[in-house]
Amino acid sequence: MKRTAWFERKFATILDNGLLPGILERLDGTPVRLRAMVAGATQLDAPHGWSAAKELGHLTDLEPLWLKRAQDILTGCAELTVADLTNRATHDADHDRWPLSQLVDRFESQRRALVATMRAAEESDLERAARHPRLGTPMRLVDLAFFVAEHDDHHMARLRTLLKGDGALRD
């Protein structure tokens, strides 16, 4: 099954801030889902692309960006912090030397900060928006939370494929 490449994805504005609590549950549950996915798994070399450890490490590498973007919105910045679209941090990191469970632990400790920041937002904060630099669209906290959750799932789908050794899913 072919999946849509991340940079080809489009994200519609979410009009209902009342969806944020459910999306935050999804974000908060990502470490639990990752832990279940990697339980008992051994690292396999990826024939093409990133290894399972790099997929997990990439999620951790982006947590500071997500947190900074949430803070951008909360403090009234006009534009969200720009991402390194080359993923240099992931390419330069030596994620493959760590057990998958430790990579999940690192991710979880960083994800807590993002979820806590978003949960602490006041009602008035939910109307603030900042422009996403690549997409060119305004994002509020609910939009950012959904974007991050979709990014998590994008990489989890690849991770599942790698751990099963199933080449059926292609980017």
C-alpha atoms as a PDB file:
ATOM      1  CA  MET A   1       0.000   0.000   0.000  1.00  0.00           C
ATOM      2  CA  LYS A   2       1.423   3.371  -0.984  1.00  0.00           C
ATOM      3  CA  ARG A   3       1.266   6.135   1.580  1.00  0.00           C
ATOM      4  CA  THR A   4       1.270   9.842   0.849  1.00  0.00           C
ATOM      5  CA  ALA A   5       4.665  11.437   1.344  1.00  0.00           C
ATOM      6  CA  TRP A   6       4.737  13.797   4.325  1.00  0.00           C
ATOM      7  CA  PHE A   7       5.565  16.896   2.289  1.00  0.00           C
ATOM      8  CA  GLU A   8       2.648  16.201  -0.040  1.00  0.00           C
ATOM      9  CA  ARG A   9       0.158  16.281   2.836  1.00  0.00           C
ATOM     10  CA  LYS A  10      -2.309  19.149   3.123  1.00  0.00           C
ATOM     11  CA  PHE A  11      -3.940  20.176   6.396  1.00  0.00           C
ATOM     12  CA  ALA A  12      -7.282  21.933   6.570  1.00  0.00           C
ATOM     13  CA  THR A  13      -7.896  24.420   9.359  1.00  0.00           C
ATOM     14  CA  ILE A  14      -9.786  22.862  12.264  1.00  0.00           C
ATOM     15  CA  LEU A  15     -12.679  25.148  13.129  1.00  0.00           C
ATOM     16  CA  ASP A  16     -13.649  23.526  16.434  1.00  0.00           C
ATOM     17  CA  ASN A  17     -11.307  24.152  19.375  1.00  0.00           C
ATOM     18  CA  GLY A  18     -13.395  21.599  21.253  1.00  0.00           C
ATOM     19  CA  LEU A  19     -11.497  18.893  19.373  1.00  0.00           C
ATOM     20  CA  LEU A  20      -8.261  19.805  21.164  1.00  0.00           C
ATOM     21  CA  PRO A  21      -8.818  17.623  24.279  1.00  0.00           C
ATOM     22  CA  GLY A  22      -9.275  14.507  22.123  1.00  0.00           C
ATOM     23  CA  ILE A  23      -6.232  15.305  20.006  1.00  0.00           C
ATOM     24  CA  LEU A  24      -4.199  15.851  23.179  1.00  0.00           C
ATOM     25  CA  GLU A  25      -5.221  12.364  24.323  1.00  0.00           C
ATOM     26  CA  ARG A  26      -3.876  11.057  21.034  1.00  0.00           C
ATOM     27  CA  LEU A  27      -0.582  12.927  21.541  1.00  0.00           C
ATOM     28  CA  ASP A  28      -0.339  11.780  25.144  1.00  0.00           C
ATOM     29  CA  GLY A  29      -0.933   8.185  24.066  1.00  0.00           C
ATOM     30  CA  THR A  30       1.743   8.087  21.386  1.00  0.00           C
ATOM     31  CA  PRO A  31       4.492   6.889  23.784  1.00  0.00           C
ATOM     32  CA  VAL A  32       2.226   4.080  25.006  1.00  0.00           C
ATOM     33  CA  ARG A  33       1.489   3.009  21.428  1.00  0.00           C
ATOM     34  CA  LEU A  34       5.190   3.172  20.573  1.00  0.00           C
ATOM     35  CA  ARG A  35       6.133   1.129  23.624  1.00  0.00           C
ATOM     36  CA  ALA A  36       3.613  -1.558  22.676  1.00  0.00           C
ATOM     37  CA  MET A  37       4.852  -1.554  19.089  1.00  0.00           C
ATOM     38  CA  VAL A  38       8.530  -2.056  19.967  1.00  0.00           C
ATOM     39  CA  ALA A  39       8.012  -4.504  22.861  1.00  0.00           C
ATOM     40  CA  GLY A  40      10.188  -7.504  22.148  1.00  0.00           C
ATOM     41  CA  ALA A  41      11.324  -6.124  18.795  1.00  0.00           C
ATOM     42  CA  THR A  42      14.896  -6.191  17.694  1.00  0.00           C
ATOM     43  CA  GLN A  43      16.394  -3.599  15.433  1.00  0.00           C
ATOM     44  CA  LEU A  44      16.483  -4.589  11.818  1.00  0.00           C
ATOM     45  CA  ASP A  45      18.426  -2.877   9.105  1.00  0.00           C
ATOM     46  CA  ALA A  46      16.169  -0.970   6.767  1.00  0.00           C
ATOM     47  CA  PRO A  47      16.805  -1.902   3.142  1.00  0.00           C
ATOM     48  CA  HIS A  48      15.786   1.612   2.060  1.00  0.00           C
ATOM     49  CA  GLY A  49      15.521   4.678   4.232  1.00  0.00           C
ATOM     50  CA  TRP A  50      15.682   4.975   7.982  1.00  0.00           C
ATOM     51  CA  SER A  51      15.982   2.144  10.469  1.00  0.00           C
ATOM     52  CA  ALA A  52      13.393   1.617  13.222  1.00  0.00           C
ATOM     53  CA  ALA A  53      15.711   3.448  15.621  1.00  0.00           C
ATOM     54  CA  LYS A  54      15.976   6.436  13.290  1.00  0.00           C
ATOM     55  CA  GLU A  55      12.180   6.565  12.906  1.00  0.00           C
ATOM     56  CA  LEU A  56      11.858   6.648  16.707  1.00  0.00           C
ATOM     57  CA  GLY A  57      14.742   9.055  17.117  1.00  0.00           C
ATOM     58  CA  HIS A  58      13.236  11.388  14.536  1.00  0.00           C
ATOM     59  CA  LEU A  59      10.093  11.709  16.631  1.00  0.00           C
ATOM     60  CA  THR A  60      12.239  12.737  19.594  1.00  0.00           C
ATOM     61  CA  ASP A  61      14.343  15.077  17.457  1.00  0.00           C
ATOM     62  CA  LEU A  62      11.213  17.052  16.533  1.00  0.00           C
ATOM     63  CA  GLU A  63       9.746  17.441  20.013  1.00  0.00           C
ATOM     64  CA  PRO A  64      11.667  20.686  20.719  1.00  0.00           C
ATOM     65  CA  LEU A  65      10.281  22.132  17.465  1.00  0.00           C
ATOM     66  CA  TRP A  66       6.701  21.215  18.368  1.00  0.00           C
ATOM     67  CA  LEU A  67       7.112  22.754  21.826  1.00  0.00           C
ATOM     68  CA  LYS A  68       8.661  25.905  20.366  1.00  0.00           C
ATOM     69  CA  ARG A  69       5.801  26.192  17.869  1.00  0.00           C
ATOM     70  CA  ALA A  70       3.226  25.856  20.647  1.00  0.00           C
ATOM     71  CA  GLN A  71       5.057  28.621  22.507  1.00  0.00           C
ATOM     72  CA  ASP A  72       5.130  30.704  19.299  1.00  0.00           C
ATOM     73  CA  ILE A  73       1.334  30.534  19.163  1.00  0.00           C
ATOM     74  CA  LEU A  74       0.875  31.212  22.862  1.00  0.00           C
ATOM     75  CA  THR A  75       3.155  34.261  22.802  1.00  0.00           C
ATOM     76  CA  GLY A  76       1.577  35.774  19.701  1.00  0.00           C
ATOM     77  CA  CYS A  77       4.328  35.249  17.121  1.00  0.00           C
ATOM     78  CA  ALA A  78       3.207  35.910  13.559  1.00  0.00           C
ATOM     79  CA  GLU A  79       5.009  32.869  12.158  1.00  0.00           C
ATOM     80  CA  LEU A  80       5.889  29.482  13.556  1.00  0.00           C
ATOM     81  CA  THR A  81       9.527  28.515  14.005  1.00  0.00           C
ATOM     82  CA  VAL A  82      10.932  27.076  10.787  1.00  0.00           C
ATOM     83  CA  ALA A  83      11.741  23.364  10.692  1.00  0.00           C
ATOM     84  CA  ASP A  84      14.947  21.955   9.262  1.00  0.00           C
ATOM     85  CA  LEU A  85      13.411  20.200   6.272  1.00  0.00           C
ATOM     86  CA  THR A  86      16.631  18.242   5.688  1.00  0.00           C
ATOM     87  CA  ASN A  87      16.174  16.466   9.050  1.00  0.00           C
ATOM     88  CA  ARG A  88      19.850  17.052   9.785  1.00  0.00           C
ATOM     89  CA  ALA A  89      19.404  16.250  13.495  1.00  0.00           C
ATOM     90  CA  THR A  90      18.105  12.774  12.660  1.00  0.00           C
ATOM     91  CA  HIS A  91      20.762  12.117  10.039  1.00  0.00           C
ATOM     92  CA  ASP A  92      23.549  13.255  12.373  1.00  0.00           C
ATOM     93  CA  ALA A  93      22.321  11.462  15.484  1.00  0.00           C
ATOM     94  CA  ASP A  94      23.450   7.945  16.238  1.00  0.00           C
ATOM     95  CA  HIS A  95      19.993   6.626  17.104  1.00  0.00           C
ATOM     96  CA  ASP A  96      20.914   3.119  15.955  1.00  0.00           C
ATOM     97  CA  ARG A  97      23.207   2.586  18.940  1.00  0.00           C
ATOM     98  CA  TRP A  98      20.301   2.798  21.429  1.00  0.00           C
ATOM     99  CA  PRO A  99      17.770   0.122  22.305  1.00  0.00           C
ATOM    100  CA  LEU A 100      14.344   0.943  20.921  1.00  0.00           C
ATOM    101  CA  SER A 101      12.868   1.022  24.435  1.00  0.00           C
ATOM    102  CA  GLN A 102      15.320   3.750  25.479  1.00  0.00           C
ATOM    103  CA  LEU A 103      14.405   5.804  22.423  1.00  0.00           C
ATOM    104  CA  VAL A 104      10.747   5.554  23.423  1.00  0.00           C
ATOM    105  CA  ASP A 105      11.654   6.651  26.970  1.00  0.00           C
ATOM    106  CA  ARG A 106      13.407   9.747  25.604  1.00  0.00           C
ATOM    107  CA  PHE A 107      10.485  10.551  23.376  1.00  0.00           C
ATOM    108  CA  GLU A 108       8.024  10.169  26.233  1.00  0.00           C
ATOM    109  CA  SER A 109       9.907  12.513  28.544  1.00  0.00           C
ATOM    110  CA  GLN A 110       9.905  15.220  25.875  1.00  0.00           C
ATOM    111  CA  ARG A 111       6.302  14.648  24.786  1.00  0.00           C
ATOM    112  CA  ARG A 112       5.120  15.324  28.337  1.00  0.00           C
ATOM    113  CA  ALA A 113       6.281  18.939  28.012  1.00  0.00           C
ATOM    114  CA  LEU A 114       4.342  19.512  24.795  1.00  0.00           C
ATOM    115  CA  VAL A 115       1.119  18.009  26.114  1.00  0.00           C
ATOM    116  CA  ALA A 116       1.413  19.890  29.419  1.00  0.00           C
ATOM    117  CA  THR A 117       1.960  23.180  27.578  1.00  0.00           C
ATOM    118  CA  MET A 118      -1.079  22.652  25.389  1.00  0.00           C
ATOM    119  CA  ARG A 119      -3.276  21.497  28.275  1.00  0.00           C
ATOM    120  CA  ALA A 120      -2.343  24.607  30.269  1.00  0.00           C
ATOM    121  CA  ALA A 121      -3.605  26.937  27.519  1.00  0.00           C
ATOM    122  CA  GLU A 122      -6.377  29.332  28.470  1.00  0.00           C
ATOM    123  CA  GLU A 123      -9.550  29.649  26.381  1.00  0.00           C
ATOM    124  CA  SER A 124      -8.276  32.967  24.986  1.00  0.00           C
ATOM    125  CA  ASP A 125      -5.051  31.243  23.845  1.00  0.00           C
ATOM    126  CA  LEU A 126      -7.027  28.896  21.614  1.00  0.00           C
ATOM    127  CA  GLU A 127      -7.896  31.698  19.192  1.00  0.00           C
ATOM    128  CA  ARG A 128      -4.298  32.775  18.617  1.00  0.00           C
ATOM    129  CA  ALA A 129      -2.697  31.643  15.383  1.00  0.00           C
ATOM    130  CA  ALA A 130       0.682  31.794  13.680  1.00  0.00           C
ATOM    131  CA  ARG A 131       1.501  31.110  10.042  1.00  0.00           C
ATOM    132  CA  HIS A 132       3.038  27.729   9.248  1.00  0.00           C
ATOM    133  CA  PRO A 133       6.170  28.554   7.207  1.00  0.00           C
ATOM    134  CA  ARG A 134       5.968  25.670   4.731  1.00  0.00           C
ATOM    135  CA  LEU A 135       2.200  25.333   4.377  1.00  0.00           C
ATOM    136  CA  GLY A 136       1.558  29.077   4.438  1.00  0.00           C
ATOM    137  CA  THR A 137      -1.592  28.619   6.503  1.00  0.00           C
ATOM    138  CA  PRO A 138      -2.469  29.902   9.967  1.00  0.00           C
ATOM    139  CA  MET A 139      -2.287  27.354  12.766  1.00  0.00           C
ATOM    140  CA  ARG A 140      -3.879  27.524  16.170  1.00  0.00           C
ATOM    141  CA  LEU A 141      -3.017  25.101  18.968  1.00  0.00           C
ATOM    142  CA  VAL A 142      -5.682  22.663  17.781  1.00  0.00           C
ATOM    143  CA  ASP A 143      -4.215  22.697  14.261  1.00  0.00           C
ATOM    144  CA  LEU A 144      -0.681  22.227  15.567  1.00  0.00           C
ATOM    145  CA  ALA A 145      -1.767  19.369  17.829  1.00  0.00           C
ATOM    146  CA  PHE A 146      -3.441  17.618  14.894  1.00  0.00           C
ATOM    147  CA  PHE A 147      -0.394  18.210  12.678  1.00  0.00           C
ATOM    148  CA  VAL A 148       1.901  16.654  15.301  1.00  0.00           C
ATOM    149  CA  ALA A 149      -0.442  13.695  15.838  1.00  0.00           C
ATOM    150  CA  GLU A 150      -0.535  13.054  12.104  1.00  0.00           C
ATOM    151  CA  HIS A 151       3.257  13.292  11.949  1.00  0.00           C
ATOM    152  CA  ASP A 152       3.503  10.750  14.784  1.00  0.00           C
ATOM    153  CA  ASP A 153       1.210   8.348  12.956  1.00  0.00           C
ATOM    154  CA  HIS A 154       3.033   8.860   9.652  1.00  0.00           C
ATOM    155  CA  HIS A 155       6.261   7.629  11.242  1.00  0.00           C
ATOM    156  CA  MET A 156       4.549   4.946  13.317  1.00  0.00           C
ATOM    157  CA  ALA A 157       3.176   3.399  10.123  1.00  0.00           C
ATOM    158  CA  ARG A 158       6.711   3.207   8.760  1.00  0.00           C
ATOM    159  CA  LEU A 159       7.995   1.872  12.075  1.00  0.00           C
ATOM    160  CA  ARG A 160       5.373  -0.886  12.083  1.00  0.00           C
ATOM    161  CA  THR A 161       6.439  -1.889   8.579  1.00  0.00           C
ATOM    162  CA  LEU A 162      10.098  -1.985   9.584  1.00  0.00           C
ATOM    163  CA  LEU A 163       9.457  -4.049  12.705  1.00  0.00           C
ATOM    164  CA  LYS A 164       7.380  -6.575  10.783  1.00  0.00           C
ATOM    165  CA  GLY A 165       9.933  -6.727   7.974  1.00  0.00           C
ATOM    166  CA  ASP A 166       7.060  -6.127   5.582  1.00  0.00           C
ATOM    167  CA  GLY A 167       8.010  -4.108   2.533  1.00  0.00           C
ATOM    168  CA  ALA A 168       4.403  -3.637   1.432  1.00  0.00           C
ATOM    169  CA  LEU A 169       4.200  -0.008   2.551  1.00  0.00           C
ATOM    170  CA  ARG A 170       6.126   2.365   0.333  1.00  0.00           C
ATOM    171  CA  ASP A 171       6.785   6.100   0.576  1.00  0.00           C
END
